[in-house]
Amino acid sequence: MSEEPSPANKNRRYLLIGATAGATAVGVMGAATPFVKYWTPSAKARAAAAPTRVDIAALRPGEILKPTPAWRGQPLFIVGRTPADIERLGQENDELADPASDNLEKQPEYARNAWRSRKPEVGIFLGICTHLGCSPTYHGEPAAQDFDPNWQGGFYCPCHGSRFDLAGRVVKGVPAPDNLVVPPHSYLSDTEIIVGVDEETA
């Protein structure tokens, strides 16, 4: 028969077991720390995802806001529209692929109108073509262009020829499959907007 360990041996055994378990726990925590840090967004990443405030006091009808602001690393096209622009956008246009803006993945519900905006006189879009991610150029004035002799104003992507009207609605038969994206936004005042925050969810 084996002898019962003495109380001193028992205490020594418990001490060794406890010390080993403690060292293992410290080792696991030390090994896990880099992984936890890896999955924690950096300050730069958090800032990039944060809402963006934009002063639009300098925006004039028929112009695009310069310098171009950005949200989440993407350019923001903020355009001022003239009364004639607004009237033209409200008319039926058989050349548009999605004139009613039915795809709610491309704009919030409050932008589901002919202007695709909260206010008809201001359009706010992500300046990224929905074809391959190029950045279109702004051609606001309705005048004949090399790429469209009947141009009514809007955005043209020189990379592959996609065209969008002043509401960011894509023209039929071009490579881009969808309208430009209208980001969530709200007005802090008549001259300041915040992109990335809806009034409904603020």
N, C-alpha and C. Protein backbone atom coordinates (compact mmCIF):
# COMPACT_ATOMS: atom_id res chain seq x y z
N MET A 1 0.84 -1.20 0.00
CA MET A 1 0.00 0.00 0.00
C MET A 1 0.88 1.25 0.00
N SER A 2 0.43 2.29 -0.78
CA SER A 2 1.20 3.53 -0.80
C SER A 2 0.89 4.36 0.43
N GLU A 3 1.87 5.07 0.85
CA GLU A 3 1.68 5.88 2.04
C GLU A 3 1.02 7.21 1.66
N GLU A 4 0.20 7.70 2.57
CA GLU A 4 -0.41 9.02 2.36
C GLU A 4 0.68 10.08 2.40
N PRO A 5 0.67 11.03 1.47
CA PRO A 5 1.69 12.08 1.51
C PRO A 5 1.52 12.92 2.77
N SER A 6 2.63 13.39 3.22
CA SER A 6 2.59 14.21 4.43
C SER A 6 1.95 15.55 4.12
N PRO A 7 1.43 16.25 5.14
CA PRO A 7 0.82 17.58 4.92
C PRO A 7 1.77 18.53 4.21
N ALA A 8 3.07 18.45 4.53
CA ALA A 8 4.05 19.34 3.89
C ALA A 8 4.13 19.07 2.39
N ASN A 9 4.13 17.73 2.05
CA ASN A 9 4.18 17.36 0.62
C ASN A 9 2.93 17.81 -0.11
N LYS A 10 1.77 17.66 0.58
CA LYS A 10 0.52 18.09 -0.04
C LYS A 10 0.55 19.58 -0.34
N ASN A 11 1.00 20.36 0.62
CA ASN A 11 1.07 21.81 0.43
C ASN A 11 2.02 22.18 -0.71
N ARG A 12 3.14 21.45 -0.77
CA ARG A 12 4.11 21.72 -1.82
C ARG A 12 3.50 21.41 -3.19
N ARG A 13 2.75 20.29 -3.26
CA ARG A 13 2.11 19.89 -4.52
C ARG A 13 1.09 20.95 -4.95
N TYR A 14 0.24 21.40 -4.02
CA TYR A 14 -0.76 22.42 -4.34
C TYR A 14 -0.10 23.72 -4.79
N LEU A 15 1.00 24.05 -4.15
CA LEU A 15 1.72 25.26 -4.50
C LEU A 15 2.27 25.17 -5.94
N LEU A 16 2.83 23.99 -6.27
CA LEU A 16 3.36 23.80 -7.63
C LEU A 16 2.24 23.84 -8.67
N ILE A 17 1.12 23.20 -8.36
CA ILE A 17 -0.02 23.20 -9.29
C ILE A 17 -0.53 24.63 -9.50
N GLY A 18 -0.67 25.37 -8.41
CA GLY A 18 -1.15 26.75 -8.50
C GLY A 18 -0.20 27.63 -9.29
N ALA A 19 1.10 27.45 -9.02
CA ALA A 19 2.09 28.27 -9.72
C ALA A 19 2.08 27.96 -11.21
N THR A 20 1.97 26.67 -11.56
CA THR A 20 1.92 26.28 -12.97
C THR A 20 0.69 26.84 -13.66
N ALA A 21 -0.47 26.74 -12.98
CA ALA A 21 -1.71 27.28 -13.56
C ALA A 21 -1.60 28.79 -13.75
N GLY A 22 -1.03 29.48 -12.79
CA GLY A 22 -0.87 30.93 -12.89
C GLY A 22 0.04 31.32 -14.04
N ALA A 23 1.15 30.61 -14.16
CA ALA A 23 2.09 30.90 -15.25
C ALA A 23 1.43 30.64 -16.60
N THR A 24 0.64 29.56 -16.69
CA THR A 24 -0.07 29.25 -17.94
C THR A 24 -1.05 30.36 -18.30
N ALA A 25 -1.81 30.84 -17.30
CA ALA A 25 -2.78 31.91 -17.55
C ALA A 25 -2.09 33.18 -18.03
N VAL A 26 -0.97 33.51 -17.40
CA VAL A 26 -0.22 34.70 -17.82
C VAL A 26 0.28 34.53 -19.25
N GLY A 27 0.77 33.32 -19.58
CA GLY A 27 1.26 33.05 -20.93
C GLY A 27 0.16 33.17 -21.97
N VAL A 28 -1.03 32.64 -21.65
CA VAL A 28 -2.17 32.71 -22.58
C VAL A 28 -2.56 34.16 -22.80
N MET A 29 -2.61 34.94 -21.71
CA MET A 29 -2.97 36.35 -21.84
C MET A 29 -1.93 37.10 -22.68
N GLY A 30 -0.67 36.79 -22.44
CA GLY A 30 0.39 37.44 -23.21
C GLY A 30 0.31 37.11 -24.68
N ALA A 31 0.00 35.85 -24.98
CA ALA A 31 -0.10 35.44 -26.39
C ALA A 31 -1.33 36.02 -27.06
N ALA A 32 -2.41 36.20 -26.27
CA ALA A 32 -3.66 36.70 -26.84
C ALA A 32 -3.62 38.21 -27.09
N THR A 33 -2.79 38.93 -26.34
CA THR A 33 -2.79 40.39 -26.44
C THR A 33 -2.57 40.90 -27.87
N PRO A 34 -1.58 40.37 -28.63
CA PRO A 34 -1.41 40.87 -30.01
C PRO A 34 -2.65 40.64 -30.87
N PHE A 35 -3.33 39.51 -30.65
CA PHE A 35 -4.52 39.23 -31.45
C PHE A 35 -5.64 40.19 -31.10
N VAL A 36 -5.84 40.48 -29.82
CA VAL A 36 -6.86 41.43 -29.41
C VAL A 36 -6.55 42.81 -29.99
N LYS A 37 -5.27 43.21 -29.92
CA LYS A 37 -4.88 44.51 -30.48
C LYS A 37 -5.11 44.54 -31.99
N TYR A 38 -4.87 43.40 -32.63
CA TYR A 38 -5.03 43.32 -34.09
C TYR A 38 -6.48 43.60 -34.48
N TRP A 39 -7.42 43.09 -33.68
CA TRP A 39 -8.84 43.24 -34.02
C TRP A 39 -9.43 44.54 -33.49
N THR A 40 -8.68 45.29 -32.70
CA THR A 40 -9.15 46.58 -32.20
C THR A 40 -8.80 47.66 -33.21
N PRO A 41 -9.81 48.42 -33.69
CA PRO A 41 -9.52 49.45 -34.70
C PRO A 41 -8.55 50.50 -34.17
N SER A 42 -7.65 50.93 -35.02
CA SER A 42 -6.71 51.98 -34.65
C SER A 42 -7.44 53.32 -34.57
N ALA A 43 -6.79 54.29 -33.97
CA ALA A 43 -7.38 55.62 -33.89
C ALA A 43 -7.64 56.17 -35.29
N LYS A 44 -6.72 55.88 -36.22
CA LYS A 44 -6.89 56.35 -37.60
C LYS A 44 -8.11 55.71 -38.24
N ALA A 45 -8.30 54.39 -38.00
CA ALA A 45 -9.45 53.69 -38.57
C ALA A 45 -10.76 54.20 -37.97
N ARG A 46 -10.74 54.45 -36.65
CA ARG A 46 -11.95 54.98 -36.01
C ARG A 46 -12.28 56.36 -36.55
N ALA A 47 -11.27 57.17 -36.77
CA ALA A 47 -11.50 58.51 -37.31
C ALA A 47 -12.06 58.45 -38.73
N ALA A 48 -11.55 57.50 -39.52
CA ALA A 48 -12.01 57.37 -40.91
C ALA A 48 -13.48 56.97 -40.98
N ALA A 49 -13.94 56.19 -40.02
CA ALA A 49 -15.32 55.72 -40.02
C ALA A 49 -16.27 56.71 -39.34
N ALA A 50 -15.73 57.74 -38.72
CA ALA A 50 -16.54 58.69 -37.98
C ALA A 50 -17.34 59.57 -38.94
N PRO A 51 -18.44 60.14 -38.46
CA PRO A 51 -19.19 61.10 -39.28
C PRO A 51 -18.31 62.29 -39.67
N THR A 52 -18.62 62.88 -40.81
CA THR A 52 -17.87 64.02 -41.32
C THR A 52 -18.76 65.25 -41.38
N ARG A 53 -18.32 66.33 -40.75
CA ARG A 53 -19.03 67.60 -40.83
C ARG A 53 -18.50 68.39 -42.03
N VAL A 54 -19.41 68.97 -42.79
CA VAL A 54 -19.00 69.73 -43.98
C VAL A 54 -19.70 71.09 -43.97
N ASP A 55 -18.90 72.14 -44.11
CA ASP A 55 -19.43 73.50 -44.22
C ASP A 55 -19.77 73.75 -45.69
N ILE A 56 -21.04 74.03 -45.97
CA ILE A 56 -21.47 74.25 -47.35
C ILE A 56 -21.84 75.71 -47.61
N ALA A 57 -21.38 76.60 -46.72
CA ALA A 57 -21.72 78.03 -46.85
C ALA A 57 -21.25 78.60 -48.19
N ALA A 58 -20.12 78.07 -48.71
CA ALA A 58 -19.55 78.60 -49.96
C ALA A 58 -20.19 77.99 -51.20
N LEU A 59 -21.07 77.00 -51.04
CA LEU A 59 -21.66 76.32 -52.19
C LEU A 59 -22.64 77.24 -52.91
N ARG A 60 -22.49 77.33 -54.23
CA ARG A 60 -23.36 78.16 -55.04
C ARG A 60 -24.11 77.30 -56.06
N PRO A 61 -25.31 77.74 -56.49
CA PRO A 61 -26.06 76.99 -57.50
C PRO A 61 -25.24 76.80 -58.77
N GLY A 62 -25.25 75.61 -59.29
CA GLY A 62 -24.51 75.30 -60.50
C GLY A 62 -23.06 74.93 -60.27
N GLU A 63 -22.65 74.82 -58.98
CA GLU A 63 -21.26 74.51 -58.67
C GLU A 63 -21.16 73.23 -57.84
N ILE A 64 -19.95 72.69 -57.76
CA ILE A 64 -19.65 71.58 -56.88
C ILE A 64 -18.69 72.09 -55.79
N LEU A 65 -18.88 71.65 -54.58
CA LEU A 65 -18.09 72.15 -53.46
C LEU A 65 -16.62 71.76 -53.62
N LYS A 66 -15.76 72.75 -53.48
CA LYS A 66 -14.30 72.56 -53.53
C LYS A 66 -13.67 73.17 -52.29
N PRO A 67 -12.60 72.62 -51.75
CA PRO A 67 -12.03 71.33 -52.12
C PRO A 67 -12.98 70.19 -51.79
N THR A 68 -12.80 69.07 -52.47
CA THR A 68 -13.69 67.92 -52.31
C THR A 68 -13.52 67.30 -50.93
N PRO A 69 -14.58 67.29 -50.12
CA PRO A 69 -14.48 66.62 -48.82
C PRO A 69 -14.52 65.11 -48.99
N ALA A 70 -14.29 64.39 -47.90
CA ALA A 70 -14.29 62.92 -47.97
C ALA A 70 -14.99 62.35 -46.75
N TRP A 71 -15.52 61.15 -46.92
CA TRP A 71 -16.15 60.39 -45.83
C TRP A 71 -15.76 58.93 -46.02
N ARG A 72 -15.19 58.34 -44.95
CA ARG A 72 -14.72 56.95 -45.00
C ARG A 72 -13.75 56.72 -46.16
N GLY A 73 -12.93 57.71 -46.42
CA GLY A 73 -11.91 57.57 -47.45
C GLY A 73 -12.43 57.72 -48.87
N GLN A 74 -13.69 58.11 -49.02
CA GLN A 74 -14.27 58.28 -50.35
C GLN A 74 -14.64 59.74 -50.57
N PRO A 75 -14.47 60.22 -51.81
CA PRO A 75 -14.80 61.63 -52.08
C PRO A 75 -16.31 61.87 -51.98
N LEU A 76 -16.65 63.05 -51.48
CA LEU A 76 -18.05 63.47 -51.41
C LEU A 76 -18.29 64.53 -52.48
N PHE A 77 -19.24 64.26 -53.35
CA PHE A 77 -19.65 65.26 -54.33
C PHE A 77 -20.86 66.00 -53.75
N ILE A 78 -20.69 67.27 -53.45
CA ILE A 78 -21.78 68.09 -52.93
C ILE A 78 -22.03 69.19 -53.95
N VAL A 79 -23.19 69.16 -54.58
CA VAL A 79 -23.48 70.09 -55.68
C VAL A 79 -24.63 71.01 -55.33
N GLY A 80 -24.50 72.25 -55.80
CA GLY A 80 -25.60 73.21 -55.70
C GLY A 80 -26.37 73.19 -57.00
N ARG A 81 -27.69 73.10 -56.91
CA ARG A 81 -28.51 73.01 -58.12
C ARG A 81 -29.35 74.26 -58.30
N THR A 82 -29.44 74.70 -59.53
CA THR A 82 -30.20 75.89 -59.86
C THR A 82 -31.69 75.54 -59.92
N PRO A 83 -32.57 76.56 -59.89
CA PRO A 83 -34.00 76.28 -60.07
C PRO A 83 -34.28 75.53 -61.38
N ALA A 84 -33.56 75.87 -62.45
CA ALA A 84 -33.75 75.17 -63.73
C ALA A 84 -33.32 73.70 -63.61
N ASP A 85 -32.22 73.45 -62.87
CA ASP A 85 -31.77 72.06 -62.64
C ASP A 85 -32.86 71.27 -61.93
N ILE A 86 -33.42 71.87 -60.90
CA ILE A 86 -34.44 71.19 -60.08
C ILE A 86 -35.67 70.88 -60.93
N GLU A 87 -36.08 71.84 -61.74
CA GLU A 87 -37.24 71.62 -62.61
C GLU A 87 -36.97 70.50 -63.60
N ARG A 88 -35.77 70.51 -64.18
CA ARG A 88 -35.41 69.50 -65.18
C ARG A 88 -35.39 68.10 -64.55
N LEU A 89 -34.87 67.99 -63.32
CA LEU A 89 -34.81 66.69 -62.66
C LEU A 89 -36.18 66.14 -62.33
N GLY A 90 -37.16 67.04 -62.16
CA GLY A 90 -38.52 66.60 -61.85
C GLY A 90 -39.30 66.10 -63.05
N GLN A 91 -38.76 66.30 -64.24
CA GLN A 91 -39.45 65.86 -65.45
C GLN A 91 -39.11 64.40 -65.77
N GLU A 92 -40.00 63.76 -66.49
CA GLU A 92 -39.76 62.36 -66.89
C GLU A 92 -38.56 62.32 -67.84
N ASN A 93 -37.76 61.27 -67.68
CA ASN A 93 -36.57 61.12 -68.52
C ASN A 93 -36.40 59.64 -68.86
N ASP A 94 -36.75 59.30 -70.09
CA ASP A 94 -36.68 57.91 -70.53
C ASP A 94 -35.27 57.39 -70.69
N GLU A 95 -34.27 58.28 -70.62
CA GLU A 95 -32.89 57.85 -70.79
C GLU A 95 -32.29 57.29 -69.51
N LEU A 96 -32.97 57.42 -68.38
CA LEU A 96 -32.43 56.98 -67.10
C LEU A 96 -32.78 55.53 -66.80
N ALA A 97 -31.84 54.81 -66.22
CA ALA A 97 -32.05 53.39 -65.90
C ALA A 97 -32.92 53.21 -64.66
N ASP A 98 -32.79 54.09 -63.68
CA ASP A 98 -33.57 53.98 -62.43
C ASP A 98 -34.03 55.37 -62.01
N PRO A 99 -34.95 55.97 -62.77
CA PRO A 99 -35.35 57.35 -62.50
C PRO A 99 -36.06 57.52 -61.15
N ALA A 100 -36.74 56.47 -60.68
CA ALA A 100 -37.48 56.57 -59.41
C ALA A 100 -36.62 56.21 -58.20
N SER A 101 -35.37 55.89 -58.45
CA SER A 101 -34.45 55.52 -57.36
C SER A 101 -35.03 54.40 -56.51
N ASP A 102 -35.41 53.31 -57.16
CA ASP A 102 -36.05 52.19 -56.45
C ASP A 102 -35.07 51.38 -55.61
N ASN A 103 -33.78 51.43 -55.92
CA ASN A 103 -32.79 50.64 -55.20
C ASN A 103 -32.41 51.36 -53.90
N LEU A 104 -33.01 50.93 -52.79
CA LEU A 104 -32.78 51.60 -51.50
C LEU A 104 -31.42 51.27 -50.90
N GLU A 105 -30.64 50.41 -51.56
CA GLU A 105 -29.26 50.21 -51.12
C GLU A 105 -28.38 51.38 -51.56
N LYS A 106 -28.90 52.20 -52.45
CA LYS A 106 -28.11 53.31 -53.01
C LYS A 106 -28.46 54.66 -52.40
N GLN A 107 -29.51 54.75 -51.62
CA GLN A 107 -29.83 55.99 -50.94
C GLN A 107 -30.80 55.72 -49.80
N PRO A 108 -30.81 56.59 -48.78
CA PRO A 108 -31.79 56.44 -47.71
C PRO A 108 -33.20 56.71 -48.24
N GLU A 109 -34.20 56.30 -47.49
CA GLU A 109 -35.59 56.47 -47.89
C GLU A 109 -35.92 57.95 -48.14
N TYR A 110 -35.36 58.85 -47.32
CA TYR A 110 -35.69 60.27 -47.48
C TYR A 110 -35.10 60.86 -48.75
N ALA A 111 -34.21 60.14 -49.42
CA ALA A 111 -33.65 60.63 -50.68
C ALA A 111 -34.27 59.91 -51.88
N ARG A 112 -35.36 59.24 -51.64
CA ARG A 112 -36.03 58.55 -52.74
C ARG A 112 -37.02 59.51 -53.40
N ASN A 113 -36.47 60.42 -54.16
CA ASN A 113 -37.26 61.42 -54.88
C ASN A 113 -36.49 61.81 -56.14
N ALA A 114 -37.06 62.70 -56.91
CA ALA A 114 -36.43 63.07 -58.19
C ALA A 114 -35.06 63.72 -58.00
N TRP A 115 -34.83 64.33 -56.82
CA TRP A 115 -33.56 65.02 -56.57
C TRP A 115 -32.59 64.14 -55.80
N ARG A 116 -33.09 63.05 -55.22
CA ARG A 116 -32.30 62.14 -54.39
C ARG A 116 -31.57 62.92 -53.30
N SER A 117 -32.32 63.74 -52.59
CA SER A 117 -31.72 64.56 -51.54
C SER A 117 -32.80 65.02 -50.56
N ARG A 118 -32.35 65.52 -49.41
CA ARG A 118 -33.27 66.12 -48.44
C ARG A 118 -33.78 67.47 -48.95
N LYS A 119 -32.89 68.22 -49.59
CA LYS A 119 -33.24 69.53 -50.14
C LYS A 119 -32.97 69.52 -51.64
N PRO A 120 -33.95 69.91 -52.45
CA PRO A 120 -33.75 69.86 -53.91
C PRO A 120 -32.54 70.64 -54.39
N GLU A 121 -32.19 71.73 -53.70
CA GLU A 121 -31.11 72.59 -54.17
C GLU A 121 -29.72 72.06 -53.84
N VAL A 122 -29.61 71.00 -53.04
CA VAL A 122 -28.30 70.45 -52.68
C VAL A 122 -28.30 68.94 -52.91
N GLY A 123 -27.35 68.47 -53.71
CA GLY A 123 -27.17 67.03 -53.92
C GLY A 123 -25.91 66.55 -53.24
N ILE A 124 -25.98 65.40 -52.59
CA ILE A 124 -24.84 64.85 -51.85
C ILE A 124 -24.65 63.40 -52.29
N PHE A 125 -23.48 63.09 -52.85
CA PHE A 125 -23.22 61.75 -53.39
C PHE A 125 -21.80 61.30 -53.03
N LEU A 126 -21.61 60.00 -53.00
CA LEU A 126 -20.25 59.47 -52.97
C LEU A 126 -19.71 59.57 -54.39
N GLY A 127 -18.54 60.18 -54.55
CA GLY A 127 -17.98 60.40 -55.88
C GLY A 127 -17.28 59.18 -56.43
N ILE A 128 -17.97 58.05 -56.43
CA ILE A 128 -17.41 56.78 -56.90
C ILE A 128 -18.36 56.17 -57.93
N CYS A 129 -17.86 55.96 -59.12
CA CYS A 129 -18.67 55.33 -60.16
C CYS A 129 -19.05 53.92 -59.74
N THR A 130 -20.29 53.54 -59.99
CA THR A 130 -20.78 52.22 -59.57
C THR A 130 -20.36 51.11 -60.54
N HIS A 131 -19.52 51.45 -61.51
CA HIS A 131 -19.01 50.43 -62.42
C HIS A 131 -17.77 49.77 -61.81
N LEU A 132 -16.64 50.48 -61.82
CA LEU A 132 -15.39 49.90 -61.30
C LEU A 132 -14.72 50.79 -60.24
N GLY A 133 -15.48 51.74 -59.70
CA GLY A 133 -14.93 52.53 -58.61
C GLY A 133 -14.09 53.72 -59.02
N CYS A 134 -14.14 54.12 -60.28
CA CYS A 134 -13.43 55.33 -60.70
C CYS A 134 -14.17 56.54 -60.14
N SER A 135 -13.59 57.71 -60.29
CA SER A 135 -14.24 58.93 -59.80
C SER A 135 -14.70 59.76 -61.01
N PRO A 136 -16.00 59.95 -61.15
CA PRO A 136 -16.50 60.74 -62.28
C PRO A 136 -16.10 62.21 -62.16
N THR A 137 -16.27 62.94 -63.23
CA THR A 137 -16.02 64.38 -63.22
C THR A 137 -17.35 65.12 -63.32
N TYR A 138 -17.38 66.31 -62.77
CA TYR A 138 -18.61 67.10 -62.72
C TYR A 138 -18.70 68.00 -63.95
N HIS A 139 -19.82 67.91 -64.64
CA HIS A 139 -20.12 68.79 -65.78
C HIS A 139 -21.54 69.30 -65.54
N GLY A 140 -21.66 70.37 -64.74
CA GLY A 140 -22.97 70.80 -64.27
C GLY A 140 -23.82 71.52 -65.28
N GLU A 141 -23.19 72.20 -66.21
CA GLU A 141 -23.95 73.03 -67.14
C GLU A 141 -24.56 72.19 -68.26
N PRO A 142 -25.85 72.40 -68.54
CA PRO A 142 -26.46 71.70 -69.68
C PRO A 142 -25.97 72.29 -71.00
N ALA A 143 -25.04 71.59 -71.60
CA ALA A 143 -24.45 72.06 -72.86
C ALA A 143 -23.86 70.87 -73.59
N ALA A 144 -23.77 70.96 -74.89
CA ALA A 144 -23.23 69.86 -75.70
C ALA A 144 -21.81 69.54 -75.26
N GLN A 145 -21.54 68.23 -75.12
CA GLN A 145 -20.22 67.75 -74.74
C GLN A 145 -19.75 66.73 -75.78
N ASP A 146 -18.46 66.49 -75.83
CA ASP A 146 -17.94 65.48 -76.75
C ASP A 146 -18.56 64.11 -76.48
N PHE A 147 -18.82 63.82 -75.19
CA PHE A 147 -19.36 62.50 -74.83
C PHE A 147 -20.89 62.44 -74.92
N ASP A 148 -21.55 63.60 -75.10
CA ASP A 148 -23.01 63.62 -75.19
C ASP A 148 -23.45 64.98 -75.75
N PRO A 149 -23.89 65.01 -77.02
CA PRO A 149 -24.29 66.28 -77.62
C PRO A 149 -25.54 66.88 -76.98
N ASN A 150 -26.30 66.06 -76.26
CA ASN A 150 -27.54 66.54 -75.61
C ASN A 150 -27.39 66.58 -74.10
N TRP A 151 -26.21 66.84 -73.63
CA TRP A 151 -25.92 66.79 -72.19
C TRP A 151 -26.78 67.78 -71.40
N GLN A 152 -27.39 67.28 -70.32
CA GLN A 152 -28.26 68.10 -69.48
C GLN A 152 -27.66 68.42 -68.11
N GLY A 153 -26.39 68.12 -67.97
CA GLY A 153 -25.71 68.39 -66.70
C GLY A 153 -25.65 67.16 -65.82
N GLY A 154 -24.51 66.99 -65.14
CA GLY A 154 -24.37 65.83 -64.26
C GLY A 154 -22.92 65.41 -64.11
N PHE A 155 -22.70 64.10 -64.11
CA PHE A 155 -21.37 63.53 -63.88
C PHE A 155 -21.02 62.57 -65.01
N TYR A 156 -19.77 62.65 -65.44
CA TYR A 156 -19.29 61.78 -66.51
C TYR A 156 -18.03 61.07 -66.04
N CYS A 157 -18.00 59.75 -66.22
CA CYS A 157 -16.82 58.97 -65.84
C CYS A 157 -15.98 58.72 -67.09
N PRO A 158 -14.84 59.39 -67.22
CA PRO A 158 -14.03 59.27 -68.44
C PRO A 158 -13.36 57.91 -68.59
N CYS A 159 -13.31 57.11 -67.53
CA CYS A 159 -12.64 55.81 -67.63
C CYS A 159 -13.36 54.87 -68.59
N HIS A 160 -14.69 54.78 -68.45
CA HIS A 160 -15.44 53.83 -69.29
C HIS A 160 -16.72 54.42 -69.85
N GLY A 161 -16.92 55.73 -69.67
CA GLY A 161 -18.03 56.40 -70.35
C GLY A 161 -19.37 56.40 -69.63
N SER A 162 -19.41 56.05 -68.36
CA SER A 162 -20.69 56.08 -67.65
C SER A 162 -21.11 57.53 -67.40
N ARG A 163 -22.44 57.76 -67.43
CA ARG A 163 -22.97 59.11 -67.24
C ARG A 163 -24.09 59.08 -66.20
N PHE A 164 -24.15 60.16 -65.43
CA PHE A 164 -25.16 60.30 -64.37
C PHE A 164 -25.72 61.71 -64.43
N ASP A 165 -27.00 61.88 -64.14
CA ASP A 165 -27.57 63.22 -64.15
C ASP A 165 -27.24 63.95 -62.85
N LEU A 166 -27.79 65.13 -62.65
CA LEU A 166 -27.47 65.94 -61.48
C LEU A 166 -28.09 65.40 -60.19
N ALA A 167 -28.86 64.33 -60.29
CA ALA A 167 -29.35 63.62 -59.11
C ALA A 167 -28.56 62.33 -58.90
N GLY A 168 -27.49 62.16 -59.69
CA GLY A 168 -26.68 60.95 -59.58
C GLY A 168 -27.34 59.72 -60.16
N ARG A 169 -28.37 59.90 -61.00
CA ARG A 169 -29.08 58.77 -61.60
C ARG A 169 -28.38 58.35 -62.89
N VAL A 170 -28.14 57.05 -63.02
CA VAL A 170 -27.36 56.54 -64.14
C VAL A 170 -28.19 56.50 -65.42
N VAL A 171 -27.51 56.80 -66.52
CA VAL A 171 -28.13 56.75 -67.84
C VAL A 171 -28.14 55.30 -68.33
N LYS A 172 -29.16 54.95 -69.09
CA LYS A 172 -29.25 53.60 -69.66
C LYS A 172 -28.09 53.33 -70.62
N GLY A 173 -27.70 52.06 -70.70
CA GLY A 173 -26.75 51.62 -71.72
C GLY A 173 -25.31 51.95 -71.46
N VAL A 174 -24.97 52.37 -70.24
CA VAL A 174 -23.56 52.65 -69.91
C VAL A 174 -23.05 51.52 -69.01
N PRO A 175 -21.74 51.41 -68.80
CA PRO A 175 -21.23 50.31 -67.98
C PRO A 175 -21.71 50.32 -66.52
N ALA A 176 -21.91 51.50 -65.93
CA ALA A 176 -22.33 51.57 -64.52
C ALA A 176 -23.73 50.98 -64.37
N PRO A 177 -23.92 50.06 -63.42
CA PRO A 177 -25.21 49.40 -63.27
C PRO A 177 -26.20 50.15 -62.37
N ASP A 178 -25.71 51.07 -61.53
CA ASP A 178 -26.57 51.69 -60.52
C ASP A 178 -26.32 53.19 -60.43
N ASN A 179 -27.26 53.85 -59.77
CA ASN A 179 -27.11 55.27 -59.46
C ASN A 179 -25.94 55.48 -58.50
N LEU A 180 -25.42 56.70 -58.46
CA LEU A 180 -24.41 57.03 -57.46
C LEU A 180 -25.03 56.88 -56.07
N VAL A 181 -24.21 56.55 -55.09
CA VAL A 181 -24.69 56.33 -53.73
C VAL A 181 -24.90 57.67 -53.03
N VAL A 182 -26.06 57.80 -52.40
CA VAL A 182 -26.33 58.94 -51.52
C VAL A 182 -26.04 58.48 -50.09
N PRO A 183 -25.05 59.04 -49.42
CA PRO A 183 -24.73 58.59 -48.07
C PRO A 183 -25.75 59.11 -47.05
N PRO A 184 -25.86 58.46 -45.90
CA PRO A 184 -26.73 59.01 -44.86
C PRO A 184 -26.19 60.38 -44.43
N HIS A 185 -27.09 61.31 -44.27
CA HIS A 185 -26.66 62.66 -43.89
C HIS A 185 -27.81 63.43 -43.26
N SER A 186 -27.47 64.49 -42.58
CA SER A 186 -28.48 65.37 -42.02
C SER A 186 -27.91 66.78 -41.94
N TYR A 187 -28.79 67.75 -41.75
CA TYR A 187 -28.39 69.15 -41.68
C TYR A 187 -28.26 69.59 -40.23
N LEU A 188 -27.10 70.13 -39.89
CA LEU A 188 -26.90 70.73 -38.57
C LEU A 188 -27.39 72.18 -38.57
N SER A 189 -27.33 72.79 -39.75
CA SER A 189 -27.84 74.15 -39.95
C SER A 189 -28.00 74.33 -41.46
N ASP A 190 -28.38 75.52 -41.87
CA ASP A 190 -28.52 75.79 -43.31
C ASP A 190 -27.18 75.72 -44.03
N THR A 191 -26.09 75.86 -43.29
CA THR A 191 -24.76 75.92 -43.92
C THR A 191 -23.83 74.80 -43.48
N GLU A 192 -24.34 73.83 -42.74
CA GLU A 192 -23.47 72.73 -42.30
C GLU A 192 -24.25 71.41 -42.31
N ILE A 193 -23.61 70.40 -42.90
CA ILE A 193 -24.20 69.07 -42.91
C ILE A 193 -23.27 68.10 -42.17
N ILE A 194 -23.83 66.99 -41.77
CA ILE A 194 -23.02 65.92 -41.20
C ILE A 194 -23.31 64.66 -41.99
N VAL A 195 -22.29 64.08 -42.55
CA VAL A 195 -22.42 62.87 -43.37
C VAL A 195 -22.06 61.67 -42.51
N GLY A 196 -22.93 60.67 -42.54
CA GLY A 196 -22.73 59.48 -41.72
C GLY A 196 -23.73 59.38 -40.58
N VAL A 197 -24.57 60.40 -40.44
CA VAL A 197 -25.59 60.43 -39.38
C VAL A 197 -26.92 60.86 -39.98
N ASP A 198 -27.94 60.04 -39.77
CA ASP A 198 -29.30 60.40 -40.16
C ASP A 198 -29.99 61.09 -39.00
N GLU A 199 -30.88 62.01 -39.30
CA GLU A 199 -31.68 62.62 -38.23
C GLU A 199 -32.53 61.55 -37.55
N GLU A 200 -32.95 60.55 -38.31
CA GLU A 200 -33.81 59.51 -37.77
C GLU A 200 -33.08 58.62 -36.78
N THR A 201 -31.75 58.49 -36.93
CA THR A 201 -31.00 57.55 -36.08
C THR A 201 -29.99 58.26 -35.19
N ALA A 202 -29.94 59.59 -35.26
CA ALA A 202 -28.96 60.34 -34.46
C ALA A 202 -29.27 60.22 -32.98
